[in-house]
């Protein structure tokens, strides 16, 4: 009796369910196009990141700190002597707001941020700045690269170009300066 009722209900049940199944399949297909696909958040070997920075002329130690890329670079002592706290402050932004960092972010989704740490030749930390991957839109990247270009070309003759880059960096990054190189206002 049980098999007979299933057999009898089969064609009618299928006829009633078929339109609903078709709608569900169409919805599932649409969701597949609408919803974001799984993004590979794996990090590449650090040598690949290092190669990007080297290709763009940046030299230093590159390593991961979690999913943050850290570039540790040496800032020349004579630059700090001649330029004082302004050069100490601008140091990380010169290496951070580069086509290399932009390439790292656009190539590897798993990189959450980039941090540049500048040190003296003796190893003392001068400054650091951390740029989150979502802090920069295309327009902000263009502005960053423009400010960097002016700072590199004209910074020695026109220190205001360096100040512009520092202000931009302080607005868009998390940063910290060593008080030995960048005294706090009021001496504290």
N, C-alpha and C. Protein backbone atom coordinates (compact mmCIF):
# COMPACT_ATOMS: atom_id res chain seq x y z
N UNK A 1 0.81 -1.18 0.00
CA UNK A 1 0.00 0.00 0.00
C UNK A 1 0.87 1.26 0.00
N UNK A 2 1.93 1.23 0.76
CA UNK A 2 2.79 2.40 0.83
C UNK A 2 3.44 2.72 -0.52
N UNK A 3 3.92 1.70 -1.21
CA UNK A 3 4.55 1.95 -2.50
C UNK A 3 3.53 2.42 -3.53
N UNK A 4 2.31 1.95 -3.41
CA UNK A 4 1.28 2.37 -4.33
C UNK A 4 0.95 3.85 -4.17
N UNK A 5 0.88 4.33 -2.95
CA UNK A 5 0.54 5.73 -2.73
C UNK A 5 1.68 6.64 -3.19
N UNK A 6 2.92 6.21 -3.03
CA UNK A 6 4.05 7.00 -3.50
C UNK A 6 4.07 7.06 -5.01
N UNK A 7 3.79 5.88 -5.62
CA UNK A 7 3.78 5.84 -7.06
C UNK A 7 2.66 6.71 -7.60
N UNK A 8 1.55 6.70 -6.99
CA UNK A 8 0.42 7.48 -7.46
C UNK A 8 0.66 8.98 -7.24
N UNK A 9 1.33 9.33 -6.15
CA UNK A 9 1.57 10.74 -5.85
C UNK A 9 2.78 11.27 -6.61
N UNK A 10 3.64 10.43 -7.11
CA UNK A 10 4.88 10.85 -7.76
C UNK A 10 4.71 11.84 -8.89
N UNK A 11 3.97 11.54 -9.93
CA UNK A 11 3.84 12.46 -11.06
C UNK A 11 3.16 13.77 -10.65
N UNK A 12 2.12 13.67 -9.80
CA UNK A 12 1.45 14.90 -9.37
C UNK A 12 2.37 15.74 -8.50
N UNK A 13 3.13 15.11 -7.63
CA UNK A 13 4.05 15.85 -6.76
C UNK A 13 5.13 16.52 -7.59
N UNK A 14 5.67 15.80 -8.56
CA UNK A 14 6.70 16.39 -9.42
C UNK A 14 6.15 17.58 -10.19
N UNK A 15 4.96 17.46 -10.69
CA UNK A 15 4.35 18.55 -11.46
C UNK A 15 4.15 19.77 -10.57
N UNK A 16 3.84 19.57 -9.30
CA UNK A 16 3.64 20.69 -8.38
C UNK A 16 4.98 21.28 -7.93
N UNK A 17 5.99 20.46 -7.80
CA UNK A 17 7.29 20.90 -7.29
C UNK A 17 8.19 21.43 -8.39
N UNK A 18 8.02 21.03 -9.60
CA UNK A 18 8.90 21.41 -10.70
C UNK A 18 9.03 22.92 -10.86
N UNK A 19 7.95 23.70 -10.86
CA UNK A 19 8.12 25.15 -10.99
C UNK A 19 8.88 25.76 -9.81
N UNK A 20 8.62 25.26 -8.61
CA UNK A 20 9.33 25.76 -7.42
C UNK A 20 10.82 25.41 -7.53
N UNK A 21 11.12 24.20 -7.96
CA UNK A 21 12.52 23.79 -8.12
C UNK A 21 13.22 24.65 -9.16
N UNK A 22 12.52 24.95 -10.26
CA UNK A 22 13.11 25.79 -11.31
C UNK A 22 13.42 27.19 -10.77
N UNK A 23 12.51 27.73 -9.98
CA UNK A 23 12.73 29.06 -9.39
C UNK A 23 13.92 29.01 -8.43
N UNK A 24 14.00 27.99 -7.61
CA UNK A 24 15.11 27.86 -6.67
C UNK A 24 16.45 27.72 -7.39
N UNK A 25 16.48 26.95 -8.46
CA UNK A 25 17.71 26.80 -9.24
C UNK A 25 18.12 28.13 -9.88
N UNK A 26 17.15 28.85 -10.41
CA UNK A 26 17.45 30.17 -11.00
C UNK A 26 17.96 31.13 -9.93
N UNK A 27 17.36 31.10 -8.76
CA UNK A 27 17.79 31.95 -7.65
C UNK A 27 19.22 31.60 -7.23
N UNK A 28 19.51 30.32 -7.13
CA UNK A 28 20.85 29.88 -6.75
C UNK A 28 21.88 30.34 -7.78
N UNK A 29 21.53 30.26 -9.04
CA UNK A 29 22.45 30.71 -10.09
C UNK A 29 22.67 32.21 -10.00
N UNK A 30 21.60 32.96 -9.73
CA UNK A 30 21.73 34.42 -9.59
C UNK A 30 22.57 34.77 -8.37
N UNK A 31 22.36 34.07 -7.28
CA UNK A 31 23.15 34.33 -6.07
C UNK A 31 24.63 34.09 -6.33
N UNK A 32 24.91 33.10 -7.12
CA UNK A 32 26.31 32.79 -7.44
C UNK A 32 26.97 33.97 -8.15
N UNK A 33 26.19 34.72 -8.94
CA UNK A 33 26.74 35.88 -9.65
C UNK A 33 26.72 37.13 -8.78
N UNK A 34 25.75 37.25 -7.89
CA UNK A 34 25.58 38.45 -7.08
C UNK A 34 26.51 38.44 -5.87
N UNK A 35 26.53 37.34 -5.16
CA UNK A 35 27.32 37.26 -3.93
C UNK A 35 28.80 37.19 -4.27
N UNK A 36 29.63 37.81 -3.42
CA UNK A 36 31.07 37.77 -3.71
C UNK A 36 31.60 36.35 -3.66
N UNK A 37 32.49 36.08 -4.57
CA UNK A 37 33.12 34.77 -4.61
C UNK A 37 34.18 34.68 -3.52
N UNK A 38 34.52 33.50 -3.16
CA UNK A 38 35.57 33.29 -2.17
C UNK A 38 36.86 33.89 -2.69
N UNK A 39 37.50 34.68 -1.86
CA UNK A 39 38.76 35.32 -2.23
C UNK A 39 39.88 34.57 -1.55
N UNK A 40 40.93 34.31 -2.29
CA UNK A 40 42.09 33.63 -1.74
C UNK A 40 42.89 34.63 -0.91
N UNK A 41 42.91 34.43 0.39
CA UNK A 41 43.61 35.34 1.28
C UNK A 41 44.95 34.79 1.73
N UNK A 42 45.48 33.86 0.97
CA UNK A 42 46.79 33.33 1.30
C UNK A 42 47.84 34.40 1.04
N UNK A 43 48.91 34.35 1.81
CA UNK A 43 50.02 35.27 1.61
C UNK A 43 51.08 34.58 0.77
N UNK A 44 51.69 35.31 -0.14
CA UNK A 44 52.73 34.71 -0.97
C UNK A 44 54.01 34.55 -0.17
N UNK A 45 54.96 33.81 -0.69
CA UNK A 45 56.27 33.76 -0.03
C UNK A 45 56.81 35.20 0.08
N UNK A 46 57.45 35.49 1.19
CA UNK A 46 57.93 36.86 1.44
C UNK A 46 58.90 37.33 0.36
N UNK A 47 59.57 36.40 -0.30
CA UNK A 47 60.50 36.76 -1.36
C UNK A 47 59.78 37.45 -2.53
N UNK A 48 58.52 37.07 -2.76
CA UNK A 48 57.76 37.72 -3.83
C UNK A 48 57.45 39.18 -3.49
N UNK A 49 57.11 39.43 -2.24
CA UNK A 49 56.85 40.80 -1.78
C UNK A 49 58.15 41.60 -1.84
N UNK A 50 59.22 40.99 -1.36
CA UNK A 50 60.53 41.65 -1.36
C UNK A 50 60.94 42.03 -2.79
N UNK A 51 60.66 41.15 -3.74
CA UNK A 51 61.00 41.42 -5.13
C UNK A 51 60.24 42.64 -5.67
N UNK A 52 59.00 42.81 -5.26
CA UNK A 52 58.22 43.98 -5.70
C UNK A 52 58.89 45.26 -5.19
N UNK A 53 59.25 45.29 -3.92
CA UNK A 53 59.88 46.50 -3.37
C UNK A 53 61.24 46.75 -4.03
N UNK A 54 62.01 45.70 -4.24
CA UNK A 54 63.32 45.87 -4.89
C UNK A 54 63.17 46.36 -6.32
N UNK A 55 62.19 45.84 -7.04
CA UNK A 55 61.96 46.27 -8.42
C UNK A 55 61.65 47.77 -8.48
N UNK A 56 61.07 48.30 -7.42
CA UNK A 56 60.75 49.72 -7.35
C UNK A 56 61.83 50.53 -6.65
N UNK A 57 63.00 49.91 -6.44
CA UNK A 57 64.15 50.64 -5.91
C UNK A 57 64.18 50.81 -4.40
N UNK A 58 63.37 50.07 -3.67
CA UNK A 58 63.36 50.17 -2.22
C UNK A 58 64.16 49.02 -1.62
N UNK A 59 65.07 49.37 -0.76
CA UNK A 59 65.96 48.37 -0.17
C UNK A 59 65.69 48.30 1.32
N UNK A 60 65.68 47.10 1.83
CA UNK A 60 65.49 46.89 3.26
C UNK A 60 65.08 45.46 3.54
N UNK A 61 64.83 45.17 4.79
CA UNK A 61 64.36 43.85 5.20
C UNK A 61 62.85 43.83 5.08
N UNK A 62 62.32 42.80 4.46
CA UNK A 62 60.88 42.65 4.32
C UNK A 62 60.48 41.38 5.05
N UNK A 63 59.44 41.48 5.87
CA UNK A 63 58.94 40.31 6.59
C UNK A 63 57.46 40.50 6.89
N UNK A 64 56.83 39.41 7.32
CA UNK A 64 55.44 39.47 7.74
C UNK A 64 55.38 39.63 9.24
N UNK A 65 54.38 40.40 9.67
CA UNK A 65 53.99 40.47 11.07
C UNK A 65 52.49 40.17 11.03
N UNK A 66 52.13 38.90 11.13
CA UNK A 66 50.75 38.49 10.87
C UNK A 66 50.49 38.62 9.39
N UNK A 67 49.45 39.37 9.02
CA UNK A 67 49.18 39.60 7.60
C UNK A 67 49.54 41.04 7.19
N UNK A 68 50.47 41.61 7.94
CA UNK A 68 51.01 42.94 7.65
C UNK A 68 52.42 42.77 7.09
N UNK A 69 52.67 43.42 5.96
CA UNK A 69 54.01 43.41 5.37
C UNK A 69 54.81 44.52 6.04
N UNK A 70 55.98 44.18 6.55
CA UNK A 70 56.86 45.19 7.18
C UNK A 70 58.12 45.36 6.35
N UNK A 71 58.42 46.59 6.04
CA UNK A 71 59.66 46.94 5.36
C UNK A 71 60.47 47.76 6.36
N UNK A 72 61.64 47.25 6.70
CA UNK A 72 62.55 47.96 7.60
C UNK A 72 63.70 48.49 6.76
N UNK A 73 63.85 49.79 6.78
CA UNK A 73 64.85 50.42 5.94
C UNK A 73 65.73 51.37 6.76
N UNK A 74 66.92 51.61 6.27
CA UNK A 74 67.87 52.47 6.98
C UNK A 74 67.77 53.88 6.42
N UNK A 75 67.68 54.84 7.32
CA UNK A 75 67.67 56.24 6.93
C UNK A 75 69.06 56.80 7.23
N UNK A 76 69.72 57.40 6.23
CA UNK A 76 71.09 57.88 6.43
C UNK A 76 71.20 58.90 7.57
N UNK A 77 72.24 58.77 8.35
CA UNK A 77 72.47 59.67 9.49
C UNK A 77 72.62 61.11 9.03
N UNK A 78 73.34 61.36 7.91
CA UNK A 78 73.53 62.74 7.46
C UNK A 78 72.19 63.37 7.07
N UNK A 79 71.26 62.58 6.57
CA UNK A 79 69.92 63.09 6.24
C UNK A 79 69.22 63.55 7.52
N UNK A 80 69.36 62.78 8.58
CA UNK A 80 68.74 63.15 9.85
C UNK A 80 69.44 64.35 10.48
N UNK A 81 70.77 64.45 10.32
CA UNK A 81 71.51 65.60 10.86
C UNK A 81 71.12 66.88 10.12
N UNK A 82 71.11 66.84 8.81
CA UNK A 82 70.81 68.03 8.00
C UNK A 82 69.33 68.40 8.05
N UNK A 83 68.47 67.40 7.95
CA UNK A 83 67.04 67.67 7.84
C UNK A 83 66.28 67.66 9.15
N UNK A 84 66.92 67.18 10.19
CA UNK A 84 66.30 67.17 11.51
C UNK A 84 65.01 66.37 11.58
N UNK A 85 64.08 66.88 12.37
CA UNK A 85 62.85 66.12 12.63
C UNK A 85 61.97 65.99 11.39
N UNK A 86 62.05 66.95 10.47
CA UNK A 86 61.24 66.82 9.26
C UNK A 86 61.63 65.58 8.47
N UNK A 87 62.93 65.36 8.30
CA UNK A 87 63.37 64.17 7.57
C UNK A 87 63.08 62.90 8.36
N UNK A 88 63.14 62.98 9.68
CA UNK A 88 62.80 61.81 10.50
C UNK A 88 61.33 61.45 10.31
N UNK A 89 60.46 62.46 10.25
CA UNK A 89 59.03 62.22 10.08
C UNK A 89 58.68 61.72 8.68
N UNK A 90 59.35 62.24 7.66
CA UNK A 90 58.98 61.89 6.29
C UNK A 90 59.51 60.51 5.87
N UNK A 91 60.51 60.03 6.57
CA UNK A 91 61.17 58.77 6.19
C UNK A 91 60.24 57.61 5.86
N UNK A 92 59.32 57.23 6.74
CA UNK A 92 58.48 56.08 6.42
C UNK A 92 57.54 56.32 5.24
N UNK A 93 57.10 57.56 5.06
CA UNK A 93 56.13 57.84 3.99
C UNK A 93 56.78 57.76 2.61
N UNK A 94 58.07 58.03 2.54
CA UNK A 94 58.79 57.93 1.27
C UNK A 94 58.79 56.49 0.76
N UNK A 95 58.82 55.53 1.68
CA UNK A 95 58.81 54.13 1.27
C UNK A 95 57.40 53.53 1.27
N UNK A 96 56.47 54.16 1.98
CA UNK A 96 55.13 53.60 2.11
C UNK A 96 54.21 53.98 0.96
N UNK A 97 54.20 55.25 0.56
CA UNK A 97 53.31 55.73 -0.49
C UNK A 97 53.95 55.57 -1.86
N UNK A 98 54.27 54.34 -2.20
CA UNK A 98 54.98 54.05 -3.43
C UNK A 98 54.16 53.13 -4.33
N UNK A 99 54.53 53.08 -5.60
CA UNK A 99 53.88 52.10 -6.47
C UNK A 99 54.08 50.67 -5.97
N UNK A 100 55.16 50.42 -5.24
CA UNK A 100 55.40 49.07 -4.73
C UNK A 100 54.32 48.65 -3.74
N UNK A 101 54.00 49.52 -2.79
CA UNK A 101 52.96 49.19 -1.82
C UNK A 101 51.62 49.02 -2.50
N UNK A 102 51.34 49.89 -3.45
CA UNK A 102 50.07 49.78 -4.19
C UNK A 102 50.01 48.44 -4.93
N UNK A 103 51.12 48.03 -5.53
CA UNK A 103 51.17 46.75 -6.25
C UNK A 103 50.96 45.58 -5.29
N UNK A 104 51.58 45.64 -4.12
CA UNK A 104 51.41 44.57 -3.13
C UNK A 104 49.94 44.43 -2.76
N UNK A 105 49.27 45.56 -2.49
CA UNK A 105 47.86 45.52 -2.12
C UNK A 105 46.99 44.99 -3.26
N UNK A 106 47.27 45.42 -4.48
CA UNK A 106 46.42 45.00 -5.60
C UNK A 106 46.69 43.56 -6.02
N UNK A 107 47.87 43.04 -5.73
CA UNK A 107 48.21 41.68 -6.15
C UNK A 107 47.78 40.63 -5.13
N UNK A 108 47.92 40.93 -3.85
CA UNK A 108 47.65 39.93 -2.81
C UNK A 108 46.60 40.44 -1.84
N UNK A 109 45.39 39.89 -1.97
CA UNK A 109 44.26 40.27 -1.12
C UNK A 109 44.51 39.98 0.36
N UNK A 110 45.35 39.01 0.65
CA UNK A 110 45.60 38.62 2.03
C UNK A 110 46.44 39.61 2.82
N UNK A 111 47.08 40.55 2.15
CA UNK A 111 47.90 41.56 2.84
C UNK A 111 46.96 42.64 3.36
N UNK A 112 46.85 42.75 4.69
CA UNK A 112 45.92 43.69 5.31
C UNK A 112 46.49 45.09 5.42
N UNK A 113 47.80 45.20 5.53
CA UNK A 113 48.43 46.51 5.72
C UNK A 113 49.91 46.40 5.39
N UNK A 114 50.51 47.58 5.22
CA UNK A 114 51.96 47.66 5.03
C UNK A 114 52.50 48.62 6.09
N UNK A 115 53.61 48.24 6.66
CA UNK A 115 54.25 49.09 7.68
C UNK A 115 55.69 49.31 7.25
N UNK A 116 56.12 50.57 7.33
CA UNK A 116 57.51 50.91 7.07
C UNK A 116 58.11 51.40 8.38
N UNK A 117 59.27 50.84 8.70
CA UNK A 117 60.00 51.23 9.90
C UNK A 117 61.36 51.74 9.45
N UNK A 118 61.66 52.99 9.79
CA UNK A 118 62.98 53.53 9.44
C UNK A 118 63.87 53.45 10.66
N UNK A 119 65.15 53.14 10.40
CA UNK A 119 66.15 53.00 11.47
C UNK A 119 67.41 53.75 11.07
N UNK A 120 68.19 54.08 12.06
CA UNK A 120 69.51 54.66 11.79
C UNK A 120 70.45 53.53 11.39
N UNK A 121 71.61 53.85 10.85
CA UNK A 121 72.59 52.80 10.55
C UNK A 121 72.99 51.99 11.80
N UNK A 122 72.86 52.60 12.98
CA UNK A 122 73.17 51.91 14.23
C UNK A 122 72.03 51.02 14.72
N UNK A 123 70.88 51.10 14.06
CA UNK A 123 69.76 50.24 14.42
C UNK A 123 68.68 50.90 15.26
N UNK A 124 68.85 52.18 15.63
CA UNK A 124 67.81 52.87 16.41
C UNK A 124 66.60 53.14 15.53
N UNK A 125 65.42 52.85 16.06
CA UNK A 125 64.22 53.15 15.30
C UNK A 125 64.00 54.66 15.28
N UNK A 126 63.75 55.20 14.10
CA UNK A 126 63.49 56.62 13.93
C UNK A 126 61.98 56.87 13.88
N UNK A 127 61.28 56.12 13.03
CA UNK A 127 59.84 56.32 12.85
C UNK A 127 59.23 55.07 12.24
N UNK A 128 57.90 55.01 12.34
CA UNK A 128 57.15 53.93 11.70
C UNK A 128 55.79 54.45 11.30
N UNK A 129 55.27 53.87 10.23
CA UNK A 129 53.92 54.21 9.77
C UNK A 129 53.30 52.96 9.18
N UNK A 130 52.01 52.77 9.47
CA UNK A 130 51.26 51.60 9.00
C UNK A 130 50.08 52.08 8.17
N UNK A 131 50.01 51.58 6.95
CA UNK A 131 48.94 51.93 6.01
C UNK A 131 48.05 50.72 5.81
N UNK A 132 46.77 50.85 6.18
CA UNK A 132 45.81 49.77 5.96
C UNK A 132 45.44 49.73 4.48
N UNK A 133 45.22 48.53 3.95
CA UNK A 133 44.92 48.38 2.53
C UNK A 133 43.70 49.17 2.11
N UNK A 134 42.70 49.32 2.99
CA UNK A 134 41.47 50.02 2.60
C UNK A 134 41.52 51.52 2.87
N UNK A 135 42.66 52.05 3.29
CA UNK A 135 42.79 53.49 3.56
C UNK A 135 42.90 54.31 2.28
N UNK A 136 43.27 53.66 1.20
CA UNK A 136 43.53 54.38 -0.05
C UNK A 136 42.54 53.98 -1.14
N UNK A 137 41.84 54.96 -1.68
CA UNK A 137 41.05 54.76 -2.89
C UNK A 137 41.98 55.04 -4.07
N UNK A 138 41.49 54.85 -5.29
CA UNK A 138 42.31 55.16 -6.46
C UNK A 138 42.70 56.64 -6.47
N UNK A 139 41.77 57.50 -6.11
CA UNK A 139 42.06 58.94 -6.09
C UNK A 139 43.12 59.26 -5.04
N UNK A 140 43.00 58.66 -3.87
CA UNK A 140 44.00 58.89 -2.81
C UNK A 140 45.37 58.36 -3.21
N UNK A 141 45.39 57.21 -3.91
CA UNK A 141 46.68 56.69 -4.36
C UNK A 141 47.33 57.66 -5.34
N UNK A 142 46.53 58.20 -6.26
CA UNK A 142 47.10 59.17 -7.21
C UNK A 142 47.66 60.38 -6.47
N UNK A 143 46.93 60.86 -5.48
CA UNK A 143 47.39 62.00 -4.68
C UNK A 143 48.67 61.63 -3.92
N UNK A 144 48.71 60.44 -3.36
CA UNK A 144 49.89 59.97 -2.62
C UNK A 144 51.12 59.95 -3.52
N UNK A 145 50.97 59.37 -4.70
CA UNK A 145 52.09 59.28 -5.63
C UNK A 145 52.53 60.66 -6.11
N UNK A 146 51.58 61.56 -6.28
CA UNK A 146 51.90 62.93 -6.67
C UNK A 146 52.71 63.63 -5.57
N UNK A 147 52.25 63.51 -4.34
CA UNK A 147 52.98 64.12 -3.21
C UNK A 147 54.38 63.51 -3.07
N UNK A 148 54.47 62.20 -3.24
CA UNK A 148 55.77 61.54 -3.15
C UNK A 148 56.71 62.06 -4.23
N UNK A 149 56.22 62.16 -5.46
CA UNK A 149 57.05 62.65 -6.56
C UNK A 149 57.58 64.05 -6.29
N UNK A 150 56.72 64.94 -5.82
CA UNK A 150 57.16 66.31 -5.49
C UNK A 150 58.19 66.30 -4.37
N UNK A 151 57.95 65.47 -3.36
CA UNK A 151 58.89 65.41 -2.23
C UNK A 151 60.26 64.91 -2.67
N UNK A 152 60.28 63.90 -3.53
CA UNK A 152 61.55 63.34 -3.98
C UNK A 152 62.30 64.30 -4.91
N UNK A 153 61.57 64.99 -5.77
CA UNK A 153 62.22 65.90 -6.73
C UNK A 153 62.62 67.23 -6.11
N UNK A 154 61.75 67.77 -5.23
CA UNK A 154 61.94 69.14 -4.77
C UNK A 154 62.14 69.28 -3.26
N UNK A 155 62.12 68.18 -2.54
CA UNK A 155 62.13 68.24 -1.08
C UNK A 155 63.33 68.93 -0.47
N UNK A 156 64.51 68.77 -1.07
CA UNK A 156 65.71 69.39 -0.51
C UNK A 156 65.64 70.91 -0.65
N UNK A 157 65.21 71.38 -1.82
CA UNK A 157 65.14 72.83 -2.06
C UNK A 157 63.87 73.44 -1.47
N UNK A 158 62.79 72.68 -1.44
CA UNK A 158 61.50 73.18 -0.94
C UNK A 158 60.98 72.23 0.14
N UNK A 159 61.39 72.43 1.39
CA UNK A 159 60.95 71.54 2.47
C UNK A 159 59.43 71.46 2.64
N UNK A 160 58.71 72.43 2.11
CA UNK A 160 57.25 72.34 2.22
C UNK A 160 56.72 71.12 1.48
N UNK A 161 57.44 70.66 0.47
CA UNK A 161 57.03 69.44 -0.24
C UNK A 161 57.11 68.23 0.68
N UNK A 162 58.13 68.20 1.54
CA UNK A 162 58.25 67.12 2.53
C UNK A 162 57.14 67.24 3.56
N UNK A 163 56.86 68.46 3.99
CA UNK A 163 55.80 68.69 4.98
C UNK A 163 54.45 68.24 4.43
N UNK A 164 54.20 68.49 3.14
CA UNK A 164 52.94 68.05 2.53
C UNK A 164 52.80 66.54 2.61
N UNK A 165 53.88 65.82 2.32
CA UNK A 165 53.85 64.35 2.37
C UNK A 165 53.65 63.87 3.80
N UNK A 166 54.31 64.52 4.76
CA UNK A 166 54.16 64.15 6.17
C UNK A 166 52.71 64.35 6.62
N UNK A 167 52.13 65.49 6.29
CA UNK A 167 50.74 65.75 6.69
C UNK A 167 49.79 64.72 6.08
N UNK A 168 50.01 64.39 4.82
CA UNK A 168 49.20 63.36 4.15
C UNK A 168 49.37 62.02 4.86
N UNK A 169 50.61 61.67 5.16
CA UNK A 169 50.88 60.42 5.84
C UNK A 169 50.24 60.35 7.22
N UNK A 170 50.34 61.43 7.96
CA UNK A 170 49.76 61.44 9.30
C UNK A 170 48.23 61.36 9.25
N UNK A 171 47.65 61.84 8.18
CA UNK A 171 46.21 61.80 8.02
C UNK A 171 45.71 60.39 7.66
N UNK A 172 46.54 59.60 6.97
CA UNK A 172 46.06 58.32 6.44
C UNK A 172 46.73 57.08 7.02
N UNK A 173 47.61 57.24 7.98
CA UNK A 173 48.29 56.08 8.56
C UNK A 173 48.23 56.12 10.08
N UNK A 174 48.61 55.01 10.67
CA UNK A 174 48.94 54.98 12.09
C UNK A 174 50.44 55.15 12.14
N UNK A 175 50.94 56.07 12.92
CA UNK A 175 52.37 56.37 12.90
C UNK A 175 52.89 56.58 14.32
N UNK A 176 54.20 56.48 14.43
CA UNK A 176 54.88 56.74 15.71
C UNK A 176 56.29 57.22 15.39
N UNK A 177 56.71 58.28 16.08
CA UNK A 177 58.06 58.82 15.91
C UNK A 177 58.84 58.66 17.20
N UNK A 178 60.12 58.37 17.05
CA UNK A 178 61.01 58.29 18.19
C UNK A 178 61.24 59.73 18.69
N UNK A 179 60.93 60.01 19.97
CA UNK A 179 61.07 61.38 20.48
C UNK A 179 62.52 61.89 20.46
N UNK A 180 63.48 61.00 20.33
CA UNK A 180 64.86 61.43 20.23
C UNK A 180 65.11 62.16 18.89
N UNK A 181 64.35 61.77 17.88
CA UNK A 181 64.50 62.37 16.54
C UNK A 181 63.38 63.36 16.22
N UNK A 182 62.23 63.16 16.84
CA UNK A 182 61.10 64.06 16.63
C UNK A 182 60.58 64.45 18.01
N UNK A 183 61.17 65.53 18.57
CA UNK A 183 60.74 65.95 19.92
C UNK A 183 59.26 66.33 19.93
N UNK A 184 58.61 65.98 21.01
CA UNK A 184 57.20 66.33 21.17
C UNK A 184 57.09 67.82 21.52
N UNK A 185 56.00 68.45 21.06
CA UNK A 185 55.81 69.86 21.43
C UNK A 185 55.79 70.02 22.94
N UNK A 186 56.44 71.04 23.46
CA UNK A 186 56.49 71.27 24.88
C UNK A 186 57.55 70.46 25.59
N UNK A 187 58.34 69.68 24.82
CA UNK A 187 59.45 68.93 25.40
C UNK A 187 59.06 67.63 26.05
N UNK A 188 57.75 67.25 26.08
CA UNK A 188 57.32 66.03 26.78
C UNK A 188 57.22 64.92 25.91
